[in-house]
Structure formats: C-alpha cells, structure tokens
Protein backbone atom coordinates (compact mmCIF):
# COMPACT_ATOMS: atom_id res chain seq x y z
CA MET A 1 -5.93 -13.22 3.92
CA LYS A 2 -2.52 -11.69 4.63
CA ILE A 3 -2.27 -7.89 4.34
CA VAL A 4 0.84 -5.72 4.60
CA ILE A 5 0.57 -1.96 5.09
CA LEU A 6 3.27 0.60 4.32
CA ASN A 7 1.82 3.98 5.25
CA GLU A 8 3.92 6.94 6.36
CA ASP A 9 0.93 8.73 7.83
CA LEU A 10 0.85 7.28 11.35
CA ARG A 11 -2.73 8.29 12.03
CA SER A 12 -4.19 6.58 8.96
CA GLU A 13 -1.79 3.64 9.41
CA MET A 14 -3.18 2.98 12.88
CA GLN A 15 -6.73 3.50 11.68
CA MET A 16 -6.18 0.92 8.93
CA TYR A 17 -4.59 -1.53 11.34
CA LEU A 18 -7.41 -1.23 13.85
CA ALA A 19 -10.09 -1.58 11.18
CA LEU A 20 -8.49 -4.67 9.63
CA SER A 21 -6.62 -6.56 12.34
CA THR A 22 -9.68 -8.27 13.83
CA LEU A 23 -10.65 -9.65 10.41
CA TYR A 24 -7.32 -10.30 8.69
CA ASP A 25 -3.67 -11.12 9.33
CA VAL A 26 -2.15 -7.62 9.12
CA GLU A 27 1.48 -6.52 9.34
CA ILE A 28 2.89 -2.99 9.30
CA ALA A 29 6.07 -2.30 7.32
CA GLN A 30 8.31 0.47 8.66
CA ASP A 31 9.83 1.38 5.29
CA VAL A 32 10.34 0.02 1.76
CA GLU A 33 13.19 -2.25 2.86
CA ASP A 34 11.04 -3.71 5.63
CA LEU A 35 8.20 -4.24 3.15
CA LEU A 36 10.50 -6.11 0.77
CA HIS A 37 11.72 -8.30 3.62
CA MET A 38 8.15 -9.06 4.72
CA LEU A 39 7.11 -10.01 1.22
CA ASP A 40 10.14 -12.28 0.86
CA GLN A 41 9.38 -14.00 4.19
CA ASN A 42 5.58 -14.12 4.15
CA LYS A 43 3.57 -14.13 0.98
CA ALA A 44 1.05 -11.33 1.29
CA ASP A 45 -2.21 -11.36 -0.61
CA LEU A 46 -2.66 -7.60 -0.55
CA THR A 47 -0.33 -4.67 0.06
CA PHE A 48 -1.45 -1.16 0.87
CA PHE A 49 1.42 1.01 -0.35
CA ASP A 50 1.83 4.69 0.51
CA LEU A 51 2.78 6.46 -2.69
CA SER A 52 3.57 9.73 -0.94
CA THR A 53 6.87 10.00 0.85
CA SER A 54 8.51 12.40 3.24
CA ASP A 55 11.91 10.77 2.65
CA GLU A 56 14.08 13.38 0.95
CA HIS A 57 16.27 10.67 -0.60
CA LEU A 58 13.36 8.73 -2.09
CA LYS A 59 11.33 10.77 -4.53
CA GLN A 60 7.73 9.88 -5.23
CA LYS A 61 8.59 8.61 -8.71
CA ASP A 62 11.19 6.32 -7.14
CA ARG A 63 8.55 5.12 -4.67
CA VAL A 64 6.28 4.22 -7.56
CA SER A 65 9.08 2.40 -9.40
CA VAL A 66 9.61 0.24 -6.29
CA VAL A 67 6.21 -1.26 -7.06
CA LYS A 68 7.45 -2.39 -10.46
CA LYS A 69 10.38 -4.20 -8.83
CA ILE A 70 8.13 -5.83 -6.24
CA ARG A 71 5.67 -6.95 -8.94
CA GLN A 72 8.49 -8.64 -10.84
CA LYS A 73 9.56 -10.59 -7.76
CA HIS A 74 6.08 -11.17 -6.32
CA PRO A 75 3.62 -11.12 -9.26
CA SER A 76 0.68 -12.44 -7.26
CA VAL A 77 0.69 -9.61 -4.70
CA LYS A 78 -2.13 -7.15 -5.28
CA PHE A 79 -1.44 -3.47 -4.57
CA VAL A 80 -3.65 -0.65 -3.40
CA GLY A 81 -2.01 2.76 -3.53
CA ILE A 82 -2.47 5.19 -0.66
CA CYS A 83 -2.31 8.89 -1.51
CA ASP A 84 -3.95 12.24 -0.91
CA ARG A 85 -7.27 12.77 -2.64
CA SER A 86 -5.90 15.68 -4.69
CA ASP A 87 -2.83 13.88 -6.05
CA ARG A 88 -4.15 12.74 -9.47
CA LEU A 89 -0.75 12.92 -11.19
CA LEU A 90 0.73 10.48 -8.72
CA GLN A 91 -2.20 8.13 -9.28
CA LYS A 92 -1.62 8.23 -13.06
CA GLU A 93 2.08 7.47 -12.60
CA ALA A 94 1.27 4.61 -10.24
CA ALA A 95 -1.26 3.17 -12.68
CA ARG A 96 1.51 2.93 -15.28
CA HIS A 97 3.37 0.68 -12.84
CA GLY A 98 0.48 -1.64 -12.15
CA ILE A 99 -1.36 -0.02 -9.25
CA GLU A 100 -4.94 0.11 -10.42
CA ASN A 101 -6.71 0.75 -7.14
CA PHE A 102 -6.29 3.59 -4.70
CA ILE A 103 -7.52 4.59 -1.32
CA THR A 104 -7.25 8.27 -0.55
CA ARG A 105 -6.73 10.22 2.62
CA PRO A 106 -8.66 10.82 4.70
CA ILE A 107 -9.28 7.08 4.74
CA LYS A 108 -12.77 5.92 5.56
CA ASN A 109 -13.14 2.50 7.18
CA ARG A 110 -16.09 1.57 4.97
CA GLU A 111 -14.08 2.30 1.80
CA LEU A 112 -11.14 0.35 3.18
CA LEU A 113 -13.24 -2.73 3.87
CA GLU A 114 -14.99 -2.48 0.49
CA MET A 115 -11.60 -2.31 -1.23
CA ILE A 116 -10.54 -5.53 0.47
CA LYS A 117 -13.77 -7.30 -0.48
CA GLU A 118 -13.13 -6.32 -4.11
CA LYS A 119 -9.59 -7.70 -3.99
CA ASN A 120 -10.49 -10.89 -2.15
C-alpha cells in the first residue's frame, strides 16, 4: 500500500511517518503542489491530507477545494482529513468535498493504524 502524507504539523507528521513507514510505502509531501506532483508520478492508495493551513495565501476553504480537484484527476485515491479535534465546521466542509474520514490531533498511533486497516 502506498501512502502520501501532507501534514503541516511537523510533530504529528513525523509521528505518522514513524508509525507507518515500517509497514507501508510512505512519502511526505511538502505542500499541495508537491502532493499533486507525487500523485501524478506515483499512484497512491491513501492520502492523509491536512485540512488546516498556516499559509496566509491559501485559506482553509481553498485547501478543502483542492481535494475536489485531486479527486477529479485521481478518483481512486482515498483521503483521510487531518484536523484539530475541535474543528467540526472544517470537517463538515471537507465531507462535502468527498473526505469522509478524519483523524484528529493529537494523533494516536492506534487510531492511525485502525484507519488504514479500514481503508485497505
């Protein structure tokens, strides 16, 4: 299984990588552009996508709409949204764009691995 992670929170990004890299082929995307390039080059089975953003030029709604564009180009890629536990509005917006599953910060390794088993 090929997994791509785009997570702006470095701590949870590294935690995810360490928890998954011994079991799966995992790549880390630096930003949305890098993620798009990775998906074009290597077909991922699952993408963990950080819905929160610190980029002042890319609003959270824009971040969510990126998923819609990716889904059109790569319909077989499954998405899991990453967000803060308290951000229910963002989860609702993401669900409208096809992200049905979420993992919330703080990320727990057990939940992360269970999420992958569900998607596999």
